[in-house]
């Protein structure tokens, strides 16, 4: 490695090895941080404490701890919230922003990377994000001599940080050598961690095979119940929607509940049975039975309150409260839902997801300032991820802040170019602003990810219409309506095409369909014009009268009414 001096206009070169057999996840990331963390401003380190500590735990003493989760101080068996597969992208984006800000004004840094083909997925993802987001960092790949043998395994770190590929690789390898009889406790712990990792990275068939192995050796009730619950969860959460089976999942979860209901120790029963009841609640939601799901979650909370010590299993309790909040909110019991969200957030203010959920409910209630505050809390407590910015963009749009909404959507897609919902909203925003070229690019990018998204087809229709390609516009609107027959904007857009072409009755028909879903002054006004053009003056007047009732200050409506 060349001697590194991060000075202005100075070009330096690093040679780093990405082979995961050296240090596992973030072998490359940690080596880069070894160079950039020394000398970094304290406030910059603190701003990225979670991601630096996750990638390079040996540097923890150099990084001030700014953000914490309640789970950090709990025994490992009580840390039941395992990070999802998307967490490593959050870490990669946070590290990219640290590197970007660390190199600001220092000139480019050139990094030569060996053995990238042998890197852990955390490092390959990090390289992708760095190349896309940090122009000051130039990464060149070279061939290396990959090492042999299994990577070093730190199972606690893999589980706690959500390094699922590493956990799956190391766990599967060890389980192929270790038998249940060799060390039963280790075998069960390793099996559950490995299956959870396999499920997180969409390798459910391998996870199920391990569960079937466990069923062949398990005789202890608690273990059999845990495997049954895990199989139920796999079946209801399968990454491939076509392979989800809530009915088979129900059979497995009922087996788990039957067993855990009979556990003799009240504390053990309260936790395990509560966990199973919560899993069954998810299954009932998927079966379209939210009321039954709510009853199950409340039963799980009652068990925890009655049989667990007040300070025992706090993460289990906050998960139950947050799940009840979601069900209460969906049922329109918003005051109770907000109280449960408040309790869940108070139990662990460092967990971002429940701020998002509460913000969504507040947004739905029209309490935009409070919703934005929750979205921004989620931003503060977590490495960067697109959802809070996407949600804040919707709130900003509702308040008329188009520039702010656009900035949030731009950043959401910078964080994750595969975040399809942001293309939907940004395409619509560009179309509303008359930026048809940008709207087209976003619609086409979004459709490449989600070809059955009706809103994107509708935006594409609006773009084609604005650019005078009527046949293409009609095809796009038709495509949108084939996917969603209640999409008002598509009916209105197609009606406008028909009106422009003189097909007034067709325009009336499409606007009538739109009005069946949403009766607005604008739609009534447009149908009135189409009705009048079709010679149906009395019906046109009735629409204008109703439009005036809905929008008494609308000058266009008043003008048309004055024409008789």
Protein backbone atom coordinates (compact mmCIF):
# COMPACT_ATOMS: atom_id res chain seq x y z
CA UNK A 1 0.00 0.00 0.00
CA UNK A 2 1.35 3.40 -0.94
CA UNK A 3 1.82 5.91 1.87
CA UNK A 4 -1.46 7.75 2.06
CA UNK A 5 -1.74 11.48 2.56
CA UNK A 6 -5.23 12.90 2.17
CA UNK A 7 -4.19 16.32 0.99
CA UNK A 8 -5.67 18.69 -1.57
CA UNK A 9 -5.18 17.63 -5.20
CA UNK A 10 -3.12 14.63 -4.11
CA UNK A 11 -3.71 11.35 -5.91
CA UNK A 12 -3.04 8.29 -3.76
CA UNK A 13 -3.24 4.60 -4.53
CA UNK A 14 -4.31 1.76 -2.24
CA UNK A 15 -4.12 -1.95 -2.94
CA UNK A 16 -6.66 -3.95 -0.95
CA UNK A 17 -7.74 -7.59 -0.87
CA UNK A 18 -11.48 -8.32 -0.85
CA UNK A 19 -11.26 -12.10 -0.30
CA UNK A 20 -13.91 -12.99 2.30
CA UNK A 21 -11.70 -15.82 3.56
CA UNK A 22 -9.54 -13.16 5.20
CA UNK A 23 -12.05 -11.52 7.53
CA UNK A 24 -15.55 -12.40 6.30
CA UNK A 25 -18.14 -9.66 5.65
CA UNK A 26 -16.68 -6.24 4.83
CA UNK A 27 -13.13 -7.51 4.44
CA UNK A 28 -12.64 -4.78 1.84
CA UNK A 29 -14.81 -2.23 3.61
CA UNK A 30 -12.91 -2.60 6.88
CA UNK A 31 -9.56 -2.28 5.11
CA UNK A 32 -10.72 0.96 3.48
CA UNK A 33 -11.96 2.24 6.83
CA UNK A 34 -8.59 1.40 8.40
CA UNK A 35 -7.18 4.08 6.13
CA UNK A 36 -9.96 6.67 6.29
CA UNK A 37 -11.11 6.57 9.91
CA UNK A 38 -7.79 7.84 11.40
CA UNK A 39 -7.78 11.59 11.06
CA UNK A 40 -11.49 11.87 10.28
CA UNK A 41 -13.47 14.58 12.07
CA UNK A 42 -15.15 13.38 15.25
CA UNK A 43 -18.56 14.61 14.10
CA UNK A 44 -18.20 12.75 10.78
CA UNK A 45 -17.36 9.52 12.58
CA UNK A 46 -20.29 9.99 14.96
CA UNK A 47 -22.65 10.63 12.04
CA UNK A 48 -21.81 7.15 10.69
CA UNK A 49 -21.27 5.27 13.93
CA UNK A 50 -23.62 2.37 13.17
CA UNK A 51 -22.23 1.58 9.74
CA UNK A 52 -18.53 1.96 10.66
CA UNK A 53 -18.92 -0.24 13.74
CA UNK A 54 -20.83 -2.84 11.72
CA UNK A 55 -18.21 -3.03 8.96
CA UNK A 56 -15.12 -2.65 11.15
CA UNK A 57 -15.86 -3.60 14.77
CA UNK A 58 -12.16 -3.36 15.63
CA UNK A 59 -12.42 0.42 15.08
CA UNK A 60 -15.25 0.85 17.59
CA UNK A 61 -13.05 2.61 20.15
CA UNK A 62 -12.31 5.35 17.60
CA UNK A 63 -15.98 5.99 16.75
CA UNK A 64 -18.20 7.94 19.18
CA UNK A 65 -21.49 6.15 19.78
CA UNK A 66 -24.31 8.49 18.68
CA UNK A 67 -27.16 6.05 18.05
CA UNK A 68 -28.19 3.04 20.13
CA UNK A 69 -30.95 0.45 20.18
CA UNK A 70 -32.45 -1.09 23.29
CA UNK A 71 -31.41 -4.46 21.92
CA UNK A 72 -27.72 -3.51 22.19
CA UNK A 73 -27.86 -3.98 25.97
CA UNK A 74 -29.97 -7.15 26.11
CA UNK A 75 -28.90 -10.78 26.37
CA UNK A 76 -28.63 -12.24 22.90
CA UNK A 77 -31.58 -14.60 23.38
CA UNK A 78 -33.85 -11.57 23.87
CA UNK A 79 -32.75 -9.86 20.63
CA UNK A 80 -35.54 -11.30 18.54
CA UNK A 81 -35.49 -8.62 15.80
CA UNK A 82 -33.02 -9.94 13.24
CA UNK A 83 -32.06 -7.32 10.62
CA UNK A 84 -33.57 -7.88 7.21
CA UNK A 85 -31.61 -8.48 4.05
CA UNK A 86 -31.87 -4.80 3.13
CA UNK A 87 -29.80 -3.62 6.08
CA UNK A 88 -26.49 -4.14 4.30
CA UNK A 89 -27.58 -1.66 1.64
CA UNK A 90 -28.20 0.87 4.39
CA UNK A 91 -24.72 0.21 5.75
CA UNK A 92 -23.20 0.50 2.26
CA UNK A 93 -24.91 3.83 1.65
CA UNK A 94 -23.82 5.16 5.03
CA UNK A 95 -20.23 4.09 4.37
CA UNK A 96 -20.35 5.67 0.91
CA UNK A 97 -21.40 8.99 2.44
CA UNK A 98 -18.63 8.72 5.02
CA UNK A 99 -16.07 8.07 2.27
CA UNK A 100 -17.46 10.88 0.12
CA UNK A 101 -17.29 13.41 2.94
CA UNK A 102 -13.90 12.14 4.13
CA UNK A 103 -12.42 12.64 0.66
CA UNK A 104 -14.08 16.01 0.04
CA UNK A 105 -11.41 18.49 -0.98
CA UNK A 106 -8.66 15.88 -0.75
CA UNK A 107 -8.48 14.89 -4.39
CA UNK A 108 -9.27 11.44 -5.81
CA UNK A 109 -8.32 8.21 -4.11
CA UNK A 110 -7.48 5.26 -6.33
CA UNK A 111 -8.11 1.80 -4.92
CA UNK A 112 -6.93 -1.39 -6.58
CA UNK A 113 -8.99 -4.35 -5.39
CA UNK A 114 -7.85 -7.95 -5.63
CA UNK A 115 -10.11 -11.01 -5.36
CA UNK A 116 -13.38 -9.12 -5.70
CA UNK A 117 -14.88 -12.29 -7.18
CA UNK A 118 -14.19 -14.00 -3.84
CA UNK A 119 -15.66 -11.16 -1.76
CA UNK A 120 -18.58 -11.49 0.60
CA UNK A 121 -21.80 -9.97 -0.82
CA UNK A 122 -21.46 -7.11 1.67
CA UNK A 123 -18.30 -6.00 -0.11
CA UNK A 124 -19.58 -6.50 -3.65
CA UNK A 125 -22.63 -4.42 -2.74
CA UNK A 126 -20.40 -1.78 -1.14
CA UNK A 127 -18.25 -1.54 -4.28
CA UNK A 128 -21.37 -1.06 -6.42
CA UNK A 129 -22.60 1.74 -4.16
CA UNK A 130 -19.17 3.40 -3.91
CA UNK A 131 -18.72 3.41 -7.68
CA UNK A 132 -22.13 4.94 -8.18
CA UNK A 133 -22.11 7.50 -5.39
CA UNK A 134 -18.47 8.51 -4.71
CA UNK A 135 -16.79 9.90 -7.84
CA UNK A 136 -13.70 10.85 -5.79
CA UNK A 137 -13.01 7.13 -5.31
CA UNK A 138 -11.65 5.24 -8.31
CA UNK A 139 -11.87 1.46 -7.95
CA UNK A 140 -9.94 -0.86 -10.25
CA UNK A 141 -10.19 -4.64 -10.08
CA UNK A 142 -7.18 -6.91 -10.48
CA UNK A 143 -6.83 -10.66 -10.28
CA UNK A 144 -5.56 -12.18 -7.09
CA UNK A 145 -4.92 -15.58 -5.58
CA UNK A 146 -8.01 -16.51 -3.59
CA UNK A 147 -7.51 -18.33 -0.34
CA UNK A 148 -8.81 -21.81 0.33
CA UNK A 149 -10.91 -23.19 3.15
CA UNK A 150 -13.97 -21.84 4.96
CA UNK A 151 -14.12 -18.17 5.94
CA UNK A 152 -13.77 -17.27 9.58
CA UNK A 153 -17.15 -17.55 11.29
CA UNK A 154 -18.41 -15.03 13.85
CA UNK A 155 -21.97 -16.25 14.21
CA UNK A 156 -23.03 -13.66 16.78
CA UNK A 157 -21.87 -10.84 14.53
CA UNK A 158 -23.43 -12.39 11.44
CA UNK A 159 -26.81 -12.68 13.17
CA UNK A 160 -26.82 -9.33 14.96
CA UNK A 161 -25.73 -7.32 11.92
CA UNK A 162 -27.83 -9.16 9.33
CA UNK A 163 -24.90 -10.63 7.39
CA UNK A 164 -27.11 -13.38 6.04
CA UNK A 165 -24.96 -14.68 3.19
CA UNK A 166 -22.03 -15.21 5.53
CA UNK A 167 -24.28 -16.85 8.12
CA UNK A 168 -25.80 -19.13 5.51
CA UNK A 169 -22.41 -20.13 4.09
CA UNK A 170 -20.69 -20.76 7.39
CA UNK A 171 -23.70 -22.30 9.10
CA UNK A 172 -24.47 -24.69 6.27
CA UNK A 173 -20.85 -25.79 6.16
CA UNK A 174 -20.69 -26.47 9.90
CA UNK A 175 -24.06 -28.24 9.99
CA UNK A 176 -22.76 -30.62 7.32
CA UNK A 177 -20.08 -31.68 9.81
CA UNK A 178 -21.87 -31.32 13.16
CA UNK A 179 -24.57 -33.75 14.27
CA UNK A 180 -27.30 -33.20 16.83
CA UNK A 181 -25.70 -35.80 19.10
CA UNK A 182 -22.31 -34.05 19.04
CA UNK A 183 -23.55 -30.91 20.79
CA UNK A 184 -27.38 -30.53 20.90
CA UNK A 185 -27.44 -26.92 22.16
CA UNK A 186 -24.93 -25.71 19.58
CA UNK A 187 -26.66 -27.69 16.84
CA UNK A 188 -30.06 -26.10 17.54
CA UNK A 189 -28.66 -22.60 17.81
CA UNK A 190 -26.76 -23.01 14.57
CA UNK A 191 -29.75 -24.54 12.79
CA UNK A 192 -32.09 -21.67 13.68
CA UNK A 193 -29.56 -19.01 12.76
CA UNK A 194 -28.75 -20.70 9.46
CA UNK A 195 -32.38 -21.21 8.45
CA UNK A 196 -33.23 -17.61 9.32
CA UNK A 197 -30.35 -16.44 7.11
CA UNK A 198 -31.37 -18.72 4.24
CA UNK A 199 -34.94 -17.42 4.37
CA UNK A 200 -33.72 -13.80 4.43
CA UNK A 201 -31.83 -14.29 1.16
CA UNK A 202 -34.68 -16.15 -0.60
CA UNK A 203 -33.24 -19.64 -0.23
CA UNK A 204 -36.35 -21.13 1.37
CA UNK A 205 -36.00 -24.66 -0.11
CA UNK A 206 -32.67 -25.10 1.70
CA UNK A 207 -34.16 -23.74 4.91
CA UNK A 208 -37.08 -26.15 4.68
CA UNK A 209 -34.73 -29.07 4.13
CA UNK A 210 -32.95 -28.16 7.37
CA UNK A 211 -36.28 -27.88 9.20
CA UNK A 212 -37.21 -31.36 7.98
CA UNK A 213 -33.87 -32.62 9.29
CA UNK A 214 -34.66 -31.01 12.63
CA UNK A 215 -38.08 -32.68 12.77
CA UNK A 216 -36.41 -36.05 12.30
CA UNK A 217 -34.21 -35.57 15.37
CA UNK A 218 -36.36 -33.37 17.64
CA UNK A 219 -38.20 -34.89 20.59
CA UNK A 220 -38.12 -32.02 23.09
CA UNK A 221 -41.46 -30.15 22.97
CA UNK A 222 -39.95 -26.66 22.82
CA UNK A 223 -37.77 -27.57 19.83
CA UNK A 224 -40.62 -29.23 17.94
CA UNK A 225 -42.82 -26.20 18.56
CA UNK A 226 -40.13 -23.80 17.36
CA UNK A 227 -39.61 -25.77 14.15
CA UNK A 228 -43.38 -25.85 13.52
CA UNK A 229 -43.61 -22.09 14.03
CA UNK A 230 -40.63 -21.53 11.74
CA UNK A 231 -42.19 -23.63 8.99
CA UNK A 232 -45.43 -21.69 9.32
CA UNK A 233 -43.57 -18.40 9.02
CA UNK A 234 -41.61 -19.62 6.00
CA UNK A 235 -44.83 -20.64 4.25
CA UNK A 236 -46.57 -17.33 4.83
CA UNK A 237 -43.60 -15.07 4.08
CA UNK A 238 -42.05 -16.92 1.12
CA UNK A 239 -40.27 -14.51 -1.25
CA UNK A 240 -42.19 -16.04 -4.15
CA UNK A 241 -45.86 -15.09 -3.61
CA UNK A 242 -46.95 -18.06 -5.70
CA UNK A 243 -45.37 -20.41 -3.16
CA UNK A 244 -47.01 -18.89 -0.09
CA UNK A 245 -49.51 -21.21 1.52
CA UNK A 246 -51.43 -19.67 4.45
CA UNK A 247 -53.53 -22.82 4.89
CA UNK A 248 -50.55 -25.14 5.34
CA UNK A 249 -48.98 -22.44 7.51
CA UNK A 250 -52.10 -22.50 9.69
CA UNK A 251 -51.71 -26.25 10.22
CA UNK A 252 -48.09 -25.83 11.31
CA UNK A 253 -48.74 -22.90 13.64
CA UNK A 254 -51.60 -24.73 15.31
CA UNK A 255 -49.20 -27.59 16.03
CA UNK A 256 -46.76 -25.12 17.58
CA UNK A 257 -49.47 -23.52 19.72
CA UNK A 258 -50.71 -26.90 20.90
CA UNK A 259 -47.23 -27.73 22.18
CA UNK A 260 -46.29 -24.37 23.69
CA UNK A 261 -49.64 -24.14 25.48
CA UNK A 262 -48.55 -27.18 27.50
CA UNK A 263 -45.12 -25.93 28.55
CA UNK A 264 -45.05 -26.17 32.36
CA UNK A 265 -42.92 -23.10 33.14
CA UNK A 266 -45.18 -19.98 33.05
CA UNK A 267 -42.39 -17.64 31.92
CA UNK A 268 -41.19 -19.95 29.17
CA UNK A 269 -44.79 -20.55 28.09
CA UNK A 270 -45.61 -16.83 28.05
CA UNK A 271 -42.75 -16.05 25.70
CA UNK A 272 -42.95 -19.03 23.33
CA UNK A 273 -46.74 -19.16 23.18
CA UNK A 274 -46.87 -15.38 22.71
CA UNK A 275 -44.40 -15.70 19.84
CA UNK A 276 -46.55 -18.41 18.22
CA UNK A 277 -49.77 -16.44 18.66
CA UNK A 278 -48.12 -13.46 16.99
CA UNK A 279 -47.04 -15.67 14.07
CA UNK A 280 -50.59 -16.99 13.76
CA UNK A 281 -51.82 -13.40 13.66
CA UNK A 282 -49.74 -12.82 10.52
CA UNK A 283 -51.24 -15.93 8.97
CA UNK A 284 -54.75 -14.73 9.75
CA UNK A 285 -53.97 -11.37 8.13
CA UNK A 286 -52.87 -13.22 5.00
CA UNK A 287 -56.10 -15.23 5.17
CA UNK A 288 -58.09 -11.97 5.24
CA UNK A 289 -59.12 -12.24 8.90
CA UNK A 290 -57.75 -9.11 10.62
CA UNK A 291 -60.18 -9.24 13.55
CA UNK A 292 -58.94 -12.72 14.48
CA UNK A 293 -55.36 -11.50 14.09
CA UNK A 294 -56.01 -8.66 16.53
CA UNK A 295 -57.44 -11.05 19.12
CA UNK A 296 -54.34 -13.25 18.83
CA UNK A 297 -51.91 -10.35 19.32
CA UNK A 298 -53.88 -9.13 22.33
CA UNK A 299 -53.74 -12.62 23.83
CA UNK A 300 -49.96 -12.63 23.37
CA UNK A 301 -49.70 -9.25 25.12
CA UNK A 302 -51.88 -10.47 27.97
CA UNK A 303 -49.56 -13.45 28.45
CA UNK A 304 -46.50 -11.21 28.56
CA UNK A 305 -48.07 -8.79 31.02
CA UNK A 306 -49.25 -11.59 33.30
CA UNK A 307 -46.36 -14.05 33.33
CA UNK A 308 -43.19 -12.18 32.37
CA UNK A 309 -41.27 -9.88 34.69
CA UNK A 310 -41.77 -6.17 33.85
CA UNK A 311 -38.26 -5.81 32.41
CA UNK A 312 -38.18 -9.21 30.68
CA UNK A 313 -38.27 -9.56 26.88
CA UNK A 314 -38.83 -5.85 26.08
CA UNK A 315 -38.25 -6.39 22.35
CA UNK A 316 -40.91 -9.12 22.28
CA UNK A 317 -43.36 -6.73 23.91
CA UNK A 318 -42.61 -3.80 21.61
CA UNK A 319 -43.04 -6.03 18.55
CA UNK A 320 -46.43 -7.13 19.84
CA UNK A 321 -47.48 -3.54 20.55
CA UNK A 322 -46.37 -2.37 17.11
CA UNK A 323 -48.21 -5.25 15.45
CA UNK A 324 -51.35 -4.43 17.41
CA UNK A 325 -50.95 -0.80 16.37
CA UNK A 326 -50.94 -1.81 12.70
CA UNK A 327 -54.10 -3.88 13.13
CA UNK A 328 -55.84 -1.17 15.14
CA UNK A 329 -54.93 1.46 12.59
CA UNK A 330 -56.29 -0.67 9.75
CA UNK A 331 -59.51 -1.10 11.73
CA UNK A 332 -59.92 2.66 12.12
CA UNK A 333 -59.12 2.65 15.85
CA UNK A 334 -56.51 5.32 15.38
CA UNK A 335 -56.30 6.68 18.94
CA UNK A 336 -55.47 3.22 20.29
CA UNK A 337 -53.09 2.58 17.41
CA UNK A 338 -51.16 5.79 18.10
CA UNK A 339 -50.92 4.87 21.79
CA UNK A 340 -49.40 1.49 20.90
CA UNK A 341 -46.95 3.05 18.47
CA UNK A 342 -45.92 5.52 21.17
CA UNK A 343 -45.31 2.65 23.59
CA UNK A 344 -43.28 0.67 21.04
CA UNK A 345 -41.15 3.69 20.16
CA UNK A 346 -40.62 4.56 23.83
CA UNK A 347 -39.43 0.99 24.44
CA UNK A 348 -36.74 1.38 21.75
CA UNK A 349 -36.34 4.90 20.32
CA UNK A 350 -33.41 3.66 18.25
CA UNK A 351 -35.47 1.38 16.02
CA UNK A 352 -36.52 3.20 12.81
CA UNK A 353 -39.35 1.12 11.39
CA UNK A 354 -42.05 2.06 13.88
CA UNK A 355 -41.50 5.76 13.24
CA UNK A 356 -42.30 5.00 9.62
CA UNK A 357 -45.43 3.06 10.49
CA UNK A 358 -46.70 5.76 12.83
CA UNK A 359 -45.83 8.44 10.29
CA UNK A 360 -47.89 6.65 7.66
CA UNK A 361 -50.89 6.56 10.01
CA UNK A 362 -50.46 10.24 10.91
CA UNK A 363 -50.21 11.10 7.21
CA UNK A 364 -53.44 9.24 6.55
CA UNK A 365 -55.08 11.29 9.31
CA UNK A 366 -53.91 14.52 7.66
CA UNK A 367 -51.44 15.31 10.46
CA UNK A 368 -48.63 16.06 8.04
CA UNK A 369 -46.27 17.92 10.38
CA UNK A 370 -46.29 15.05 12.86
CA UNK A 371 -45.86 12.53 10.05
CA UNK A 372 -42.83 14.40 8.72
CA UNK A 373 -41.35 14.52 12.24
CA UNK A 374 -41.62 10.73 12.45
CA UNK A 375 -40.07 10.23 9.01
CA UNK A 376 -37.18 12.46 10.02
CA UNK A 377 -36.74 10.54 13.27
CA UNK A 378 -36.39 7.36 11.20
CA UNK A 379 -33.75 9.14 9.13
CA UNK A 380 -31.80 10.16 12.24
CA UNK A 381 -31.68 6.81 14.00
CA UNK A 382 -30.71 4.66 11.02
CA UNK A 383 -28.13 4.53 8.26
CA UNK A 384 -29.75 5.97 5.11
CA UNK A 385 -32.54 4.03 3.40
CA UNK A 386 -35.14 5.18 0.86
CA UNK A 387 -38.48 4.66 2.63
CA UNK A 388 -38.50 7.70 4.97
CA UNK A 389 -37.49 10.01 2.12
CA UNK A 390 -40.12 8.51 -0.15
CA UNK A 391 -42.74 9.00 2.57
CA UNK A 392 -41.62 12.55 3.32
CA UNK A 393 -41.84 13.33 -0.39
CA UNK A 394 -45.54 12.41 -0.31
CA UNK A 395 -46.10 14.70 2.68
CA UNK A 396 -44.18 17.52 1.03
CA UNK A 397 -46.20 17.09 -2.15
CA UNK A 398 -49.42 17.24 -0.14
CA UNK A 399 -48.22 20.55 1.34
CA UNK A 400 -47.43 21.93 -2.12
CA UNK A 401 -43.64 21.68 -1.73
CA UNK A 402 -42.88 20.21 -5.15
CA UNK A 403 -39.17 21.00 -5.03
CA UNK A 404 -38.80 19.34 -1.64
CA UNK A 405 -40.76 16.30 -2.79
CA UNK A 406 -38.60 15.99 -5.89
CA UNK A 407 -35.38 16.27 -3.85
CA UNK A 408 -36.54 13.49 -1.53
CA UNK A 409 -37.44 11.21 -4.43
CA UNK A 410 -34.10 11.92 -6.11
CA UNK A 411 -32.28 10.93 -2.92
CA UNK A 412 -34.42 7.82 -2.39
CA UNK A 413 -33.43 6.60 -5.86
CA UNK A 414 -29.80 7.54 -5.28
CA UNK A 415 -29.86 5.27 -2.25
CA UNK A 416 -31.55 2.46 -4.15
CA UNK A 417 -32.06 2.66 -7.93
CA UNK A 418 -34.25 -0.44 -7.63
CA UNK A 419 -36.79 1.22 -5.32
CA UNK A 420 -39.68 1.08 -7.77
CA UNK A 421 -42.31 3.13 -5.84
CA UNK A 422 -40.11 6.22 -6.08
CA UNK A 423 -40.16 6.01 -9.89
CA UNK A 424 -43.97 6.00 -9.76
CA UNK A 425 -44.16 9.18 -7.73
CA UNK A 426 -41.28 10.96 -9.42
CA UNK A 427 -42.64 10.18 -12.87
CA UNK A 428 -46.02 11.59 -11.84
CA UNK A 429 -44.38 14.67 -10.35
CA UNK A 430 -42.36 15.33 -13.50
CA UNK A 431 -45.49 14.89 -15.61
CA UNK A 432 -47.41 17.36 -13.44
CA UNK A 433 -44.54 19.84 -13.84
CA UNK A 434 -44.58 19.44 -17.64
CA UNK A 435 -41.16 17.75 -17.70
CA UNK A 436 -42.19 15.04 -20.15
CA UNK A 437 -38.69 13.80 -20.93
CA UNK A 438 -37.91 13.16 -17.26
CA UNK A 439 -41.35 11.65 -16.73
CA UNK A 440 -40.81 9.25 -19.64
CA UNK A 441 -37.39 8.16 -18.34
CA UNK A 442 -38.80 7.48 -14.89
CA UNK A 443 -41.86 5.67 -16.21
CA UNK A 444 -39.73 3.43 -18.43
CA UNK A 445 -37.21 2.77 -15.62
CA UNK A 446 -40.02 1.91 -13.24
CA UNK A 447 -41.75 -0.36 -15.75
CA UNK A 448 -38.49 -2.24 -16.28
CA UNK A 449 -38.67 -3.12 -12.56
CA UNK A 450 -42.44 -3.49 -12.20
CA UNK A 451 -44.03 -4.02 -15.62
CA UNK A 452 -47.50 -4.45 -14.10
CA UNK A 453 -47.58 -1.09 -12.31
CA UNK A 454 -50.71 0.69 -13.62
CA UNK A 455 -49.69 4.16 -12.42
CA UNK A 456 -46.53 4.04 -14.52
CA UNK A 457 -48.53 3.05 -17.59
CA UNK A 458 -50.84 5.98 -16.87
CA UNK A 459 -47.92 8.41 -16.60
CA UNK A 460 -46.51 7.03 -19.84
CA UNK A 461 -49.92 7.68 -21.43
CA UNK A 462 -49.84 11.28 -20.18
CA UNK A 463 -46.36 11.72 -21.65
CA UNK A 464 -47.32 10.25 -25.01
CA UNK A 465 -50.43 12.44 -25.06
CA UNK A 466 -48.46 15.58 -24.22
CA UNK A 467 -46.05 14.79 -27.05
CA UNK A 468 -48.85 14.23 -29.56
CA UNK A 469 -48.56 10.45 -29.92
CA UNK A 470 -52.22 9.67 -29.46
CA UNK A 471 -52.15 6.02 -30.51
CA UNK A 472 -49.31 5.26 -28.11
CA UNK A 473 -51.07 7.25 -25.38
CA UNK A 474 -54.28 5.28 -25.81
CA UNK A 475 -52.37 1.99 -25.69
CA UNK A 476 -50.70 3.07 -22.46
CA UNK A 477 -54.00 4.12 -20.88
CA UNK A 478 -55.58 0.85 -22.00
CA UNK A 479 -52.70 -1.01 -20.40
CA UNK A 480 -53.16 0.88 -17.14
CA UNK A 481 -56.89 0.19 -17.03
CA UNK A 482 -56.38 -3.50 -17.79
CA UNK A 483 -54.30 -3.66 -14.63
CA UNK A 484 -56.48 -1.38 -12.49
CA UNK A 485 -60.02 -0.66 -13.61
CA UNK A 486 -60.45 1.95 -10.88
CA UNK A 487 -57.55 4.18 -11.90
CA UNK A 488 -59.20 7.57 -12.25
CA UNK A 489 -56.27 9.30 -13.94
CA UNK A 490 -56.24 6.71 -16.72
CA UNK A 491 -59.99 7.06 -17.38
CA UNK A 492 -59.61 10.85 -17.39
CA UNK A 493 -56.59 10.72 -19.68
CA UNK A 494 -58.31 8.44 -22.17
CA UNK A 495 -61.38 10.66 -22.05
CA UNK A 496 -59.24 13.67 -22.94
CA UNK A 497 -57.88 11.79 -25.94
CA UNK A 498 -61.38 10.94 -27.13
CA UNK A 499 -62.54 14.54 -26.65
CA UNK A 500 -59.59 15.85 -28.68
CA UNK A 501 -60.50 13.40 -31.46
CA UNK A 502 -64.16 14.46 -31.46
CA UNK A 503 -65.39 11.17 -29.93
CA UNK A 504 -67.52 12.99 -27.37
CA UNK A 505 -69.70 10.07 -26.31
CA UNK A 506 -66.60 7.95 -25.66
CA UNK A 507 -65.20 10.79 -23.55
CA UNK A 508 -68.47 10.94 -21.58
CA UNK A 509 -68.35 7.18 -20.99
CA UNK A 510 -64.78 7.26 -19.67
CA UNK A 511 -65.42 10.27 -17.43
CA UNK A 512 -68.49 8.55 -16.05
CA UNK A 513 -66.32 5.58 -15.08
CA UNK A 514 -63.86 7.94 -13.41
CA UNK A 515 -66.66 9.65 -11.48
CA UNK A 516 -67.84 6.30 -10.14
CA UNK A 517 -64.58 6.16 -8.19
CA UNK A 518 -63.97 9.83 -7.40
CA UNK A 519 -66.47 12.65 -7.73
CA UNK A 520 -64.46 15.85 -8.10
CA UNK A 521 -65.24 19.26 -9.54
CA UNK A 522 -62.60 18.79 -12.23
CA UNK A 523 -64.06 15.51 -13.50
CA UNK A 524 -67.59 16.91 -13.43
CA UNK A 525 -66.46 20.01 -15.32
CA UNK A 526 -64.76 17.91 -17.99
CA UNK A 527 -67.78 15.64 -18.38
CA UNK A 528 -69.99 18.70 -18.68
CA UNK A 529 -67.89 19.91 -21.61
CA UNK A 530 -68.08 16.48 -23.26
CA UNK A 531 -71.83 16.26 -22.66
CA UNK A 532 -72.37 19.72 -24.12
CA UNK A 533 -70.27 18.82 -27.19
CA UNK A 534 -72.40 15.67 -27.57
CA UNK A 535 -75.59 17.80 -27.55
CA UNK A 536 -76.66 16.75 -24.04
CA UNK A 537 -76.96 20.27 -22.59
CA UNK A 538 -79.30 19.55 -19.66
CA UNK A 539 -77.02 16.81 -18.34
CA UNK A 540 -74.05 19.13 -18.82
CA UNK A 541 -75.73 21.80 -16.71
CA UNK A 542 -76.43 19.33 -13.90
CA UNK A 543 -72.72 18.42 -13.83
CA UNK A 544 -71.75 22.10 -13.70
CA UNK A 545 -74.16 22.79 -10.85
CA UNK A 546 -72.69 19.90 -8.87
CA UNK A 547 -69.15 21.05 -9.70
CA UNK A 548 -70.02 24.53 -8.40
CA UNK A 549 -71.19 22.99 -5.14
CA UNK A 550 -67.89 21.15 -4.74
CA UNK A 551 -65.70 24.09 -5.82
CA UNK A 552 -67.70 27.32 -5.35
CA UNK A 553 -64.70 29.50 -6.18
CA UNK A 554 -63.84 27.84 -9.49
CA UNK A 555 -64.00 30.56 -12.17
CA UNK A 556 -64.12 28.10 -15.08
CA UNK A 557 -67.17 26.41 -13.63
CA UNK A 558 -68.92 29.75 -13.06
CA UNK A 559 -68.11 30.85 -16.61
CA UNK A 560 -69.56 27.71 -18.16
CA UNK A 561 -72.67 27.94 -16.00
CA UNK A 562 -73.13 31.50 -17.23
CA UNK A 563 -73.17 30.25 -20.81
CA UNK A 564 -76.40 28.40 -20.07
